[in-house]
């Protein structure tokens, strides 16, 4: 009603009436073709929607039965792998479980951040139901690419009832919150969730999109995390050198060592006992896992580091004392010569 009162003069102008008449004439001329096109589009959209719902339902059913019998599948896959490869295969499964679980956790956190930023922006603009729209934006952000667009358009439609300018600013707020999350928050969250450097997250998303489009961008981060963890495992196992460190760059993480200071590749790759049970590990690794105490090992490691630093300091002091004594002897010898 407000729009009708506001734009009454505009609607009664001759130019607008001529434009409406031309549009009506065009619709009459192309009515059949337009109707067929719309009908085909509606049918295709309905089929796609039904296919999506069916695929989602089947995925949930498969996930339910998989979770029910997952321990049995795990044991059978270890038997198929054989005794020689069971330990490596178990590490690989644990790595993928950790990467996928961490990615999903990071996705939930980043979606919550996007929804919060968008909701605050909507509230500042005075958009009705800003909290509900922010929640909807966060939930739809879980759906890659399509979800943020749906959330932004939904908020813009609500904002249009305030004013066209508010609708436009709502789209800007939705886009800005998405970009802030993707470029600043998401890389740090994914680094913490899947232990992948923010630079690699951005490069992985770009490479995944270039190689496989939307599916490539969806699976880029968990696959990258799994590849990094598997490389860590085989590198430390073959070389005996610890690649993971608390002050590292690409291989940043919590290092695990036994009481002798040797790295534990399976723990460094999987993040410890939370994801890796070691059920099919070698007898030595099983004993190590059973008796492993992270705090005790770290305490012993720090004690050895302190002892090493103390020995280095004492050695440096001895060298300085020896050098000073040599200088004193030279001075004494020169004095005797002069006398």
C-alpha atoms as a PDB file:
ATOM      1  CA  UNK A   1       0.000   0.000   0.000  1.00  0.00           C
ATOM      2  CA  UNK A   2       2.827   2.398   0.815  1.00  0.00           C
ATOM      3  CA  UNK A   3       4.485   1.700  -2.541  1.00  0.00           C
ATOM      4  CA  UNK A   4       1.163   2.227  -4.346  1.00  0.00           C
ATOM      5  CA  UNK A   5       0.632   5.618  -2.699  1.00  0.00           C
ATOM      6  CA  UNK A   6       4.250   6.648  -3.239  1.00  0.00           C
ATOM      7  CA  UNK A   7       4.418   5.734  -6.938  1.00  0.00           C
ATOM      8  CA  UNK A   8       0.836   6.556  -8.050  1.00  0.00           C
ATOM      9  CA  UNK A   9       1.954   9.466 -10.227  1.00  0.00           C
ATOM     10  CA  UNK A  10       4.657   7.372 -11.830  1.00  0.00           C
ATOM     11  CA  UNK A  11       2.195   4.570 -12.691  1.00  0.00           C
ATOM     12  CA  UNK A  12      -0.235   7.040 -14.254  1.00  0.00           C
ATOM     13  CA  UNK A  13       2.369   8.541 -16.616  1.00  0.00           C
ATOM     14  CA  UNK A  14       2.058   7.955 -20.351  1.00  0.00           C
ATOM     15  CA  UNK A  15       5.556   6.428 -20.651  1.00  0.00           C
ATOM     16  CA  UNK A  16       4.814   3.790 -18.032  1.00  0.00           C
ATOM     17  CA  UNK A  17       1.428   2.937 -19.626  1.00  0.00           C
ATOM     18  CA  UNK A  18       3.113   2.525 -23.025  1.00  0.00           C
ATOM     19  CA  UNK A  19       5.801   0.271 -21.503  1.00  0.00           C
ATOM     20  CA  UNK A  20       3.119  -1.867 -19.829  1.00  0.00           C
ATOM     21  CA  UNK A  21       1.181  -2.094 -23.096  1.00  0.00           C
ATOM     22  CA  UNK A  22       4.276  -3.191 -24.998  1.00  0.00           C
ATOM     23  CA  UNK A  23       5.087  -5.794 -22.357  1.00  0.00           C
ATOM     24  CA  UNK A  24       1.518  -7.112 -22.473  1.00  0.00           C
ATOM     25  CA  UNK A  25       1.638  -7.327 -26.269  1.00  0.00           C
ATOM     26  CA  UNK A  26       4.943  -9.194 -26.143  1.00  0.00           C
ATOM     27  CA  UNK A  27       3.517 -11.633 -23.589  1.00  0.00           C
ATOM     28  CA  UNK A  28       0.472 -12.299 -25.792  1.00  0.00           C
ATOM     29  CA  UNK A  29       2.706 -12.966 -28.814  1.00  0.00           C
ATOM     30  CA  UNK A  30       5.105 -15.269 -26.962  1.00  0.00           C
ATOM     31  CA  UNK A  31       2.688 -16.797 -24.441  1.00  0.00           C
ATOM     32  CA  UNK A  32       2.880 -20.370 -25.756  1.00  0.00           C
ATOM     33  CA  UNK A  33       6.670 -20.425 -26.029  1.00  0.00           C
ATOM     34  CA  UNK A  34       7.060 -18.795 -22.618  1.00  0.00           C
ATOM     35  CA  UNK A  35       4.615 -21.242 -21.046  1.00  0.00           C
ATOM     36  CA  UNK A  36       6.481 -24.217 -22.491  1.00  0.00           C
ATOM     37  CA  UNK A  37       9.814 -22.842 -21.285  1.00  0.00           C
ATOM     38  CA  UNK A  38       8.463 -22.225 -17.777  1.00  0.00           C
ATOM     39  CA  UNK A  39       6.845 -25.658 -17.631  1.00  0.00           C
ATOM     40  CA  UNK A  40      10.084 -27.339 -18.705  1.00  0.00           C
ATOM     41  CA  UNK A  41      12.027 -25.336 -16.121  1.00  0.00           C
ATOM     42  CA  UNK A  42       9.571 -26.200 -13.358  1.00  0.00           C
ATOM     43  CA  UNK A  43       9.690 -29.908 -14.245  1.00  0.00           C
ATOM     44  CA  UNK A  44      13.491 -29.935 -14.335  1.00  0.00           C
ATOM     45  CA  UNK A  45      13.693 -28.038 -11.054  1.00  0.00           C
ATOM     46  CA  UNK A  46      11.211 -30.431  -9.462  1.00  0.00           C
ATOM     47  CA  UNK A  47      13.168 -33.446 -10.699  1.00  0.00           C
ATOM     48  CA  UNK A  48      16.446 -31.977  -9.422  1.00  0.00           C
ATOM     49  CA  UNK A  49      14.890 -31.215  -6.040  1.00  0.00           C
ATOM     50  CA  UNK A  50      13.446 -34.725  -5.760  1.00  0.00           C
ATOM     51  CA  UNK A  51      16.796 -36.219  -6.774  1.00  0.00           C
ATOM     52  CA  UNK A  52      18.557 -34.125  -4.115  1.00  0.00           C
ATOM     53  CA  UNK A  53      16.108 -35.168  -1.384  1.00  0.00           C
ATOM     54  CA  UNK A  54      16.400 -38.823  -2.393  1.00  0.00           C
ATOM     55  CA  UNK A  55      20.207 -38.681  -2.420  1.00  0.00           C
ATOM     56  CA  UNK A  56      20.208 -36.987   0.989  1.00  0.00           C
ATOM     57  CA  UNK A  57      17.844 -39.627   2.406  1.00  0.00           C
ATOM     58  CA  UNK A  58      19.943 -42.496   1.038  1.00  0.00           C
ATOM     59  CA  UNK A  59      23.115 -40.870   2.391  1.00  0.00           C
ATOM     60  CA  UNK A  60      21.587 -40.698   5.861  1.00  0.00           C
ATOM     61  CA  UNK A  61      20.512 -44.355   5.665  1.00  0.00           C
ATOM     62  CA  UNK A  62      23.977 -45.460   4.545  1.00  0.00           C
ATOM     63  CA  UNK A  63      25.614 -43.324   7.241  1.00  0.00           C
ATOM     64  CA  UNK A  64      23.339 -44.871   9.905  1.00  0.00           C
ATOM     65  CA  UNK A  65      24.212 -48.461   8.998  1.00  0.00           C
ATOM     66  CA  UNK A  66      27.869 -47.573   8.544  1.00  0.00           C
ATOM     67  CA  UNK A  67      28.028 -46.081  12.049  1.00  0.00           C
ATOM     68  CA  UNK A  68      26.244 -49.097  13.515  1.00  0.00           C
ATOM     69  CA  UNK A  69      28.743 -51.628  12.139  1.00  0.00           C
ATOM     70  CA  UNK A  70      31.821 -49.450  11.764  1.00  0.00           C
ATOM     71  CA  UNK A  71      33.966 -51.459  14.248  1.00  0.00           C
ATOM     72  CA  UNK A  72      33.176 -54.660  12.335  1.00  0.00           C
ATOM     73  CA  UNK A  73      34.072 -53.067   8.992  1.00  0.00           C
ATOM     74  CA  UNK A  74      37.276 -51.731  10.517  1.00  0.00           C
ATOM     75  CA  UNK A  75      38.325 -55.148  11.797  1.00  0.00           C
ATOM     76  CA  UNK A  76      37.495 -56.860   8.490  1.00  0.00           C
ATOM     77  CA  UNK A  77      39.451 -54.286   6.480  1.00  0.00           C
ATOM     78  CA  UNK A  78      42.459 -54.864   8.734  1.00  0.00           C
ATOM     79  CA  UNK A  79      42.240 -58.607   8.121  1.00  0.00           C
ATOM     80  CA  UNK A  80      42.071 -58.024   4.363  1.00  0.00           C
ATOM     81  CA  UNK A  81      45.107 -55.716   4.539  1.00  0.00           C
ATOM     82  CA  UNK A  82      47.146 -58.471   6.198  1.00  0.00           C
ATOM     83  CA  UNK A  83      49.538 -58.442   9.173  1.00  0.00           C
ATOM     84  CA  UNK A  84      52.326 -56.633   7.284  1.00  0.00           C
ATOM     85  CA  UNK A  85      50.123 -53.754   6.146  1.00  0.00           C
ATOM     86  CA  UNK A  86      47.569 -53.612   8.970  1.00  0.00           C
ATOM     87  CA  UNK A  87      49.474 -51.002  10.985  1.00  0.00           C
ATOM     88  CA  UNK A  88      49.935 -48.673   8.002  1.00  0.00           C
ATOM     89  CA  UNK A  89      46.338 -49.183   6.888  1.00  0.00           C
ATOM     90  CA  UNK A  90      45.017 -48.393  10.367  1.00  0.00           C
ATOM     91  CA  UNK A  91      47.073 -45.198  10.441  1.00  0.00           C
ATOM     92  CA  UNK A  92      45.661 -44.237   7.029  1.00  0.00           C
ATOM     93  CA  UNK A  93      42.068 -44.780   8.205  1.00  0.00           C
ATOM     94  CA  UNK A  94      42.739 -42.780  11.370  1.00  0.00           C
ATOM     95  CA  UNK A  95      44.266 -39.963   9.329  1.00  0.00           C
ATOM     96  CA  UNK A  96      41.211 -39.711   7.067  1.00  0.00           C
ATOM     97  CA  UNK A  97      38.856 -39.866  10.058  1.00  0.00           C
ATOM     98  CA  UNK A  98      40.730 -37.056  11.765  1.00  0.00           C
ATOM     99  CA  UNK A  99      40.886 -34.929   8.606  1.00  0.00           C
ATOM    100  CA  UNK A 100      37.197 -35.309   7.759  1.00  0.00           C
ATOM    101  CA  UNK A 101      36.066 -34.847  11.374  1.00  0.00           C
ATOM    102  CA  UNK A 102      38.235 -31.766  11.789  1.00  0.00           C
ATOM    103  CA  UNK A 103      36.984 -30.324   8.514  1.00  0.00           C
ATOM    104  CA  UNK A 104      33.342 -30.748   9.525  1.00  0.00           C
ATOM    105  CA  UNK A 105      34.049 -29.166  12.915  1.00  0.00           C
ATOM    106  CA  UNK A 106      35.804 -26.247  11.230  1.00  0.00           C
ATOM    107  CA  UNK A 107      32.913 -25.872   8.772  1.00  0.00           C
ATOM    108  CA  UNK A 108      30.421 -25.578  11.634  1.00  0.00           C
ATOM    109  CA  UNK A 109      32.583 -22.945  13.374  1.00  0.00           C
ATOM    110  CA  UNK A 110      33.055 -20.846  10.228  1.00  0.00           C
ATOM    111  CA  UNK A 111      29.340 -21.054   9.410  1.00  0.00           C
ATOM    112  CA  UNK A 112      28.520 -19.827  12.914  1.00  0.00           C
ATOM    113  CA  UNK A 113      30.935 -16.909  12.425  1.00  0.00           C
ATOM    114  CA  UNK A 114      29.336 -16.018   9.086  1.00  0.00           C
ATOM    115  CA  UNK A 115      25.841 -16.125  10.565  1.00  0.00           C
ATOM    116  CA  UNK A 116      26.885 -13.994  13.549  1.00  0.00           C
ATOM    117  CA  UNK A 117      28.543 -11.328  11.385  1.00  0.00           C
ATOM    118  CA  UNK A 118      25.594 -11.240   8.990  1.00  0.00           C
ATOM    119  CA  UNK A 119      23.044 -11.058  11.835  1.00  0.00           C
ATOM    120  CA  UNK A 120      24.881  -8.129  13.437  1.00  0.00           C
ATOM    121  CA  UNK A 121      25.016  -6.341  10.073  1.00  0.00           C
ATOM    122  CA  UNK A 122      21.290  -6.937   9.448  1.00  0.00           C
ATOM    123  CA  UNK A 123      20.457  -5.578  12.906  1.00  0.00           C
ATOM    124  CA  UNK A 124      22.507  -2.411  12.268  1.00  0.00           C
ATOM    125  CA  UNK A 125      20.658  -1.868   8.978  1.00  0.00           C
ATOM    126  CA  UNK A 126      17.310  -2.332  10.707  1.00  0.00           C
ATOM    127  CA  UNK A 127      16.278  -5.426   8.735  1.00  0.00           C
ATOM    128  CA  UNK A 128      13.335  -7.213  10.400  1.00  0.00           C
ATOM    129  CA  UNK A 129      14.041 -10.617  11.966  1.00  0.00           C
ATOM    130  CA  UNK A 130      17.804  -9.958  11.790  1.00  0.00           C
ATOM    131  CA  UNK A 131      18.587 -12.714  14.298  1.00  0.00           C
ATOM    132  CA  UNK A 132      16.564 -15.298  12.391  1.00  0.00           C
ATOM    133  CA  UNK A 133      18.088 -14.209   9.083  1.00  0.00           C
ATOM    134  CA  UNK A 134      21.580 -14.433  10.588  1.00  0.00           C
ATOM    135  CA  UNK A 135      20.822 -17.974  11.775  1.00  0.00           C
ATOM    136  CA  UNK A 136      19.489 -18.876   8.327  1.00  0.00           C
ATOM    137  CA  UNK A 137      22.620 -17.417   6.683  1.00  0.00           C
ATOM    138  CA  UNK A 138      24.860 -19.480   8.984  1.00  0.00           C
ATOM    139  CA  UNK A 139      22.939 -22.701   8.339  1.00  0.00           C
ATOM    140  CA  UNK A 140      22.896 -22.195   4.577  1.00  0.00           C
ATOM    141  CA  UNK A 141      26.619 -21.432   4.610  1.00  0.00           C
ATOM    142  CA  UNK A 142      27.212 -25.154   5.239  1.00  0.00           C
ATOM    143  CA  UNK A 143      26.018 -25.749   1.655  1.00  0.00           C
ATOM    144  CA  UNK A 144      28.991 -24.732  -0.507  1.00  0.00           C
ATOM    145  CA  UNK A 145      28.521 -21.825  -2.967  1.00  0.00           C
ATOM    146  CA  UNK A 146      24.742 -22.164  -3.366  1.00  0.00           C
ATOM    147  CA  UNK A 147      23.962 -21.728   0.342  1.00  0.00           C
ATOM    148  CA  UNK A 148      25.466 -18.226   0.821  1.00  0.00           C
ATOM    149  CA  UNK A 149      23.622 -16.959  -2.260  1.00  0.00           C
ATOM    150  CA  UNK A 150      20.280 -18.291  -0.994  1.00  0.00           C
ATOM    151  CA  UNK A 151      20.883 -16.736   2.431  1.00  0.00           C
ATOM    152  CA  UNK A 152      21.819 -13.367   0.926  1.00  0.00           C
ATOM    153  CA  UNK A 153      18.821 -13.293  -1.433  1.00  0.00           C
ATOM    154  CA  UNK A 154      16.454 -14.249   1.398  1.00  0.00           C
ATOM    155  CA  UNK A 155      17.770 -11.434   3.580  1.00  0.00           C
ATOM    156  CA  UNK A 156      17.574  -8.970   0.643  1.00  0.00           C
ATOM    157  CA  UNK A 157      13.905  -9.846   0.052  1.00  0.00           C
ATOM    158  CA  UNK A 158      13.107  -9.079   3.672  1.00  0.00           C
ATOM    159  CA  UNK A 159      15.180  -5.904   3.531  1.00  0.00           C
ATOM    160  CA  UNK A 160      13.278  -4.776   0.427  1.00  0.00           C
ATOM    161  CA  UNK A 161      10.180  -4.241   2.570  1.00  0.00           C
ATOM    162  CA  UNK A 162      12.107  -1.553   4.439  1.00  0.00           C
ATOM    163  CA  UNK A 163      13.540   0.172   1.354  1.00  0.00           C
ATOM    164  CA  UNK A 164      15.377  -0.707  -1.866  1.00  0.00           C
ATOM    165  CA  UNK A 165      18.543   0.807  -0.409  1.00  0.00           C
ATOM    166  CA  UNK A 166      18.274  -1.471   2.642  1.00  0.00           C
ATOM    167  CA  UNK A 167      17.904  -4.474   0.343  1.00  0.00           C
ATOM    168  CA  UNK A 168      21.037  -3.459  -1.540  1.00  0.00           C
ATOM    169  CA  UNK A 169      22.993  -2.911   1.692  1.00  0.00           C
ATOM    170  CA  UNK A 170      21.758  -6.289   2.964  1.00  0.00           C
ATOM    171  CA  UNK A 171      23.339  -7.980  -0.045  1.00  0.00           C
ATOM    172  CA  UNK A 172      26.580  -6.077   0.639  1.00  0.00           C
ATOM    173  CA  UNK A 173      26.564  -7.177   4.306  1.00  0.00           C
ATOM    174  CA  UNK A 174      25.938 -10.807   3.346  1.00  0.00           C
ATOM    175  CA  UNK A 175      28.755 -10.762   0.787  1.00  0.00           C
ATOM    176  CA  UNK A 176      31.154  -8.971   3.165  1.00  0.00           C
ATOM    177  CA  UNK A 177      30.511 -11.400   6.043  1.00  0.00           C
ATOM    178  CA  UNK A 178      31.130 -14.330   3.699  1.00  0.00           C
ATOM    179  CA  UNK A 179      34.392 -12.837   2.409  1.00  0.00           C
ATOM    180  CA  UNK A 180      35.665 -11.978   5.898  1.00  0.00           C
ATOM    181  CA  UNK A 181      35.013 -15.524   7.072  1.00  0.00           C
ATOM    182  CA  UNK A 182      36.512 -17.193   3.993  1.00  0.00           C
ATOM    183  CA  UNK A 183      39.691 -15.090   3.835  1.00  0.00           C
ATOM    184  CA  UNK A 184      40.507 -14.375   7.474  1.00  0.00           C
ATOM    185  CA  UNK A 185      38.616 -16.670   9.866  1.00  0.00           C
ATOM    186  CA  UNK A 186      38.317 -19.911   7.889  1.00  0.00           C
ATOM    187  CA  UNK A 187      42.073 -20.405   7.221  1.00  0.00           C
ATOM    188  CA  UNK A 188      42.927 -20.050  10.931  1.00  0.00           C
ATOM    189  CA  UNK A 189      40.031 -22.276  12.018  1.00  0.00           C
ATOM    190  CA  UNK A 190      40.979 -24.934   9.476  1.00  0.00           C
ATOM    191  CA  UNK A 191      44.585 -24.741  10.631  1.00  0.00           C
ATOM    192  CA  UNK A 192      43.455 -25.552  14.156  1.00  0.00           C
ATOM    193  CA  UNK A 193      40.872 -28.169  13.108  1.00  0.00           C
ATOM    194  CA  UNK A 194      42.842 -30.093  10.479  1.00  0.00           C
ATOM    195  CA  UNK A 195      46.393 -28.803  11.171  1.00  0.00           C
ATOM    196  CA  UNK A 196      46.848 -27.253   7.739  1.00  0.00           C
ATOM    197  CA  UNK A 197      48.623 -23.916   7.244  1.00  0.00           C
ATOM    198  CA  UNK A 198      46.274 -21.070   6.142  1.00  0.00           C
ATOM    199  CA  UNK A 199      48.369 -20.545   3.006  1.00  0.00           C
ATOM    200  CA  UNK A 200      47.846 -24.201   2.033  1.00  0.00           C
ATOM    201  CA  UNK A 201      44.106 -23.921   2.730  1.00  0.00           C
ATOM    202  CA  UNK A 202      43.759 -21.019   0.287  1.00  0.00           C
ATOM    203  CA  UNK A 203      45.984 -22.668  -2.337  1.00  0.00           C
ATOM    204  CA  UNK A 204      44.155 -25.981  -1.905  1.00  0.00           C
ATOM    205  CA  UNK A 205      40.765 -24.344  -2.449  1.00  0.00           C
ATOM    206  CA  UNK A 206      42.030 -22.563  -5.551  1.00  0.00           C
ATOM    207  CA  UNK A 207      43.618 -25.738  -6.961  1.00  0.00           C
ATOM    208  CA  UNK A 208      40.575 -27.861  -6.124  1.00  0.00           C
ATOM    209  CA  UNK A 209      38.272 -25.401  -7.861  1.00  0.00           C
ATOM    210  CA  UNK A 210      40.501 -25.267 -10.936  1.00  0.00           C
ATOM    211  CA  UNK A 211      40.792 -29.065 -11.209  1.00  0.00           C
ATOM    212  CA  UNK A 212      37.329 -30.293 -10.229  1.00  0.00           C
ATOM    213  CA  UNK A 213      35.067 -27.281  -9.741  1.00  0.00           C
ATOM    214  CA  UNK A 214      32.718 -27.245  -6.749  1.00  0.00           C
ATOM    215  CA  UNK A 215      33.430 -30.868  -5.649  1.00  0.00           C
ATOM    216  CA  UNK A 216      37.140 -30.120  -5.784  1.00  0.00           C
ATOM    217  CA  UNK A 217      36.758 -27.135  -3.487  1.00  0.00           C
ATOM    218  CA  UNK A 218      34.604 -29.146  -1.069  1.00  0.00           C
ATOM    219  CA  UNK A 219      37.120 -31.986  -0.685  1.00  0.00           C
ATOM    220  CA  UNK A 220      40.321 -29.944  -1.125  1.00  0.00           C
ATOM    221  CA  UNK A 221      40.932 -29.166   2.558  1.00  0.00           C
ATOM    222  CA  UNK A 222      40.316 -32.665   4.056  1.00  0.00           C
ATOM    223  CA  UNK A 223      42.328 -34.341   1.277  1.00  0.00           C
ATOM    224  CA  UNK A 224      45.160 -31.860   1.761  1.00  0.00           C
ATOM    225  CA  UNK A 225      45.156 -32.503   5.509  1.00  0.00           C
ATOM    226  CA  UNK A 226      45.189 -36.268   4.960  1.00  0.00           C
ATOM    227  CA  UNK A 227      48.051 -36.044   2.442  1.00  0.00           C
ATOM    228  CA  UNK A 228      50.129 -33.924   4.851  1.00  0.00           C
ATOM    229  CA  UNK A 229      49.529 -36.352   7.741  1.00  0.00           C
ATOM    230  CA  UNK A 230      50.391 -39.413   5.653  1.00  0.00           C
ATOM    231  CA  UNK A 231      53.584 -37.746   4.445  1.00  0.00           C
ATOM    232  CA  UNK A 232      54.493 -36.986   8.069  1.00  0.00           C
ATOM    233  CA  UNK A 233      53.923 -40.600   9.065  1.00  0.00           C
ATOM    234  CA  UNK A 234      56.040 -42.177   6.314  1.00  0.00           C
ATOM    235  CA  UNK A 235      58.788 -39.532   6.548  1.00  0.00           C
ATOM    236  CA  UNK A 236      59.271 -39.998  10.300  1.00  0.00           C
ATOM    237  CA  UNK A 237      58.978 -43.757  10.037  1.00  0.00           C
ATOM    238  CA  UNK A 238      61.619 -44.027   7.300  1.00  0.00           C
ATOM    239  CA  UNK A 239      64.074 -41.389   8.533  1.00  0.00           C
ATOM    240  CA  UNK A 240      63.576 -41.374  12.307  1.00  0.00           C
ATOM    241  CA  UNK A 241      63.605 -37.548  12.230  1.00  0.00           C
ATOM    242  CA  UNK A 242      60.703 -35.653  13.788  1.00  0.00           C
ATOM    243  CA  UNK A 243      58.967 -33.390  11.297  1.00  0.00           C
ATOM    244  CA  UNK A 244      56.168 -32.052  13.529  1.00  0.00           C
ATOM    245  CA  UNK A 245      57.014 -29.250  15.955  1.00  0.00           C
ATOM    246  CA  UNK A 246      55.146 -26.688  18.040  1.00  0.00           C
ATOM    247  CA  UNK A 247      56.913 -23.798  16.302  1.00  0.00           C
ATOM    248  CA  UNK A 248      56.715 -25.267  12.788  1.00  0.00           C
ATOM    249  CA  UNK A 249      55.159 -23.760   9.680  1.00  0.00           C
ATOM    250  CA  UNK A 250      53.588 -26.308   7.355  1.00  0.00           C
ATOM    251  CA  UNK A 251      54.107 -29.136   9.854  1.00  0.00           C
ATOM    252  CA  UNK A 252      52.918 -27.233  12.921  1.00  0.00           C
ATOM    253  CA  UNK A 253      51.519 -29.500  15.631  1.00  0.00           C
ATOM    254  CA  UNK A 254      52.066 -31.224  18.943  1.00  0.00           C
ATOM    255  CA  UNK A 255      55.084 -33.548  18.667  1.00  0.00           C
ATOM    256  CA  UNK A 256      54.967 -36.947  20.366  1.00  0.00           C
ATOM    257  CA  UNK A 257      58.115 -38.643  21.651  1.00  0.00           C
ATOM    258  CA  UNK A 258      58.812 -41.744  23.668  1.00  0.00           C
ATOM    259  CA  UNK A 259      60.842 -41.700  26.874  1.00  0.00           C
ATOM    260  CA  UNK A 260      64.068 -41.889  24.878  1.00  0.00           C
ATOM    261  CA  UNK A 261      63.168 -38.829  22.820  1.00  0.00           C
ATOM    262  CA  UNK A 262      62.407 -40.769  19.623  1.00  0.00           C
ATOM    263  CA  UNK A 263      59.407 -39.580  17.555  1.00  0.00           C
ATOM    264  CA  UNK A 264      56.207 -41.621  17.406  1.00  0.00           C
ATOM    265  CA  UNK A 265      55.166 -41.354  13.713  1.00  0.00           C
ATOM    266  CA  UNK A 266      51.661 -42.772  14.206  1.00  0.00           C
ATOM    267  CA  UNK A 267      50.874 -40.209  16.912  1.00  0.00           C
ATOM    268  CA  UNK A 268      52.417 -37.289  15.016  1.00  0.00           C
ATOM    269  CA  UNK A 269      50.301 -38.167  11.965  1.00  0.00           C
ATOM    270  CA  UNK A 270      46.997 -38.736  13.778  1.00  0.00           C
ATOM    271  CA  UNK A 271      47.266 -36.318  16.689  1.00  0.00           C
ATOM    272  CA  UNK A 272      47.583 -38.881  19.464  1.00  0.00           C
ATOM    273  CA  UNK A 273      45.390 -41.556  20.987  1.00  0.00           C
ATOM    274  CA  UNK A 274      42.109 -39.738  20.310  1.00  0.00           C
ATOM    275  CA  UNK A 275      41.970 -40.965  16.696  1.00  0.00           C
ATOM    276  CA  UNK A 276      44.523 -43.801  16.711  1.00  0.00           C
ATOM    277  CA  UNK A 277      43.880 -46.783  18.958  1.00  0.00           C
ATOM    278  CA  UNK A 278      46.784 -48.914  17.747  1.00  0.00           C
ATOM    279  CA  UNK A 279      44.727 -52.108  17.802  1.00  0.00           C
ATOM    280  CA  UNK A 280      46.670 -53.541  14.859  1.00  0.00           C
ATOM    281  CA  UNK A 281      49.995 -51.885  15.637  1.00  0.00           C
ATOM    282  CA  UNK A 282      53.283 -53.697  16.128  1.00  0.00           C
ATOM    283  CA  UNK A 283      53.980 -55.184  19.607  1.00  0.00           C
ATOM    284  CA  UNK A 284      56.497 -52.410  20.361  1.00  0.00           C
ATOM    285  CA  UNK A 285      54.042 -49.653  19.419  1.00  0.00           C
ATOM    286  CA  UNK A 286      51.267 -51.336  21.408  1.00  0.00           C
ATOM    287  CA  UNK A 287      53.447 -51.328  24.538  1.00  0.00           C
ATOM    288  CA  UNK A 288      54.353 -47.723  23.886  1.00  0.00           C
ATOM    289  CA  UNK A 289      50.692 -46.720  23.478  1.00  0.00           C
ATOM    290  CA  UNK A 290      49.695 -48.616  26.617  1.00  0.00           C
ATOM    291  CA  UNK A 291      52.352 -46.962  28.762  1.00  0.00           C
ATOM    292  CA  UNK A 292      52.325 -43.588  27.008  1.00  0.00           C
ATOM    293  CA  UNK A 293      51.950 -40.539  29.217  1.00  0.00           C
ATOM    294  CA  UNK A 294      52.249 -37.268  27.322  1.00  0.00           C
ATOM    295  CA  UNK A 295      52.877 -35.100  30.384  1.00  0.00           C
ATOM    296  CA  UNK A 296      55.526 -37.462  31.700  1.00  0.00           C
ATOM    297  CA  UNK A 297      57.267 -37.621  28.317  1.00  0.00           C
ATOM    298  CA  UNK A 298      57.173 -33.846  27.915  1.00  0.00           C
ATOM    299  CA  UNK A 299      58.551 -33.393  31.422  1.00  0.00           C
ATOM    300  CA  UNK A 300      61.383 -35.810  30.683  1.00  0.00           C
ATOM    301  CA  UNK A 301      62.035 -34.068  27.353  1.00  0.00           C
ATOM    302  CA  UNK A 302      62.270 -30.655  29.036  1.00  0.00           C
ATOM    303  CA  UNK A 303      64.583 -32.091  31.690  1.00  0.00           C
ATOM    304  CA  UNK A 304      66.927 -33.419  29.019  1.00  0.00           C
ATOM    305  CA  UNK A 305      66.806 -30.098  27.188  1.00  0.00           C
ATOM    306  CA  UNK A 306      67.729 -28.277  30.396  1.00  0.00           C
ATOM    307  CA  UNK A 307      70.586 -30.688  31.020  1.00  0.00           C
ATOM    308  CA  UNK A 308      71.810 -30.212  27.464  1.00  0.00           C
ATOM    309  CA  UNK A 309      71.645 -26.422  27.817  1.00  0.00           C
ATOM    310  CA  UNK A 310      73.464 -26.622  31.158  1.00  0.00           C
ATOM    311  CA  UNK A 311      76.210 -28.778  29.647  1.00  0.00           C
ATOM    312  CA  UNK A 312      76.570 -26.361  26.752  1.00  0.00           C
ATOM    313  CA  UNK A 313      76.813 -23.449  29.183  1.00  0.00           C
ATOM    314  CA  UNK A 314      79.407 -25.239  31.291  1.00  0.00           C
ATOM    315  CA  UNK A 315      81.403 -26.121  28.175  1.00  0.00           C
ATOM    316  CA  UNK A 316      81.296 -22.494  27.067  1.00  0.00           C
ATOM    317  CA  UNK A 317      82.462 -21.348  30.495  1.00  0.00           C
ATOM    318  CA  UNK A 318      85.323 -23.852  30.456  1.00  0.00           C
ATOM    319  CA  UNK A 319      86.392 -22.618  27.020  1.00  0.00           C
ATOM    320  CA  UNK A 320      86.299 -19.017  28.194  1.00  0.00           C
ATOM    321  CA  UNK A 321      88.269 -19.907  31.337  1.00  0.00           C
ATOM    322  CA  UNK A 322      90.841 -21.829  29.291  1.00  0.00           C
ATOM    323  CA  UNK A 323      91.155 -18.942  26.828  1.00  0.00           C
ATOM    324  CA  UNK A 324      91.592 -16.483  29.697  1.00  0.00           C
ATOM    325  CA  UNK A 325      94.234 -18.671  31.304  1.00  0.00           C
ATOM    326  CA  UNK A 326      96.138 -18.862  28.010  1.00  0.00           C
ATOM    327  CA  UNK A 327      96.041 -15.077  27.712  1.00  0.00           C
ATOM    328  CA  UNK A 328      97.342 -14.717  31.285  1.00  0.00           C
ATOM    329  CA  UNK A 329     100.166 -17.151  30.551  1.00  0.00           C
ATOM    330  CA  UNK A 330     101.122 -15.173  27.425  1.00  0.00           C
ATOM    331  CA  UNK A 331     101.180 -11.928  29.392  1.00  0.00           C
ATOM    332  CA  UNK A 332     103.260 -13.538  32.137  1.00  0.00           C
ATOM    333  CA  UNK A 333     105.703 -14.885  29.544  1.00  0.00           C
ATOM    334  CA  UNK A 334     106.060 -11.454  27.961  1.00  0.00           C
ATOM    335  CA  UNK A 335     106.750  -9.874  31.353  1.00  0.00           C
ATOM    336  CA  UNK A 336     109.499 -12.442  32.060  1.00  0.00           C
ATOM    337  CA  UNK A 337     111.061 -11.737  28.672  1.00  0.00           C
ATOM    338  CA  UNK A 338     111.041  -7.999  29.280  1.00  0.00           C
ATOM    339  CA  UNK A 339     112.686  -8.447  32.674  1.00  0.00           C
END
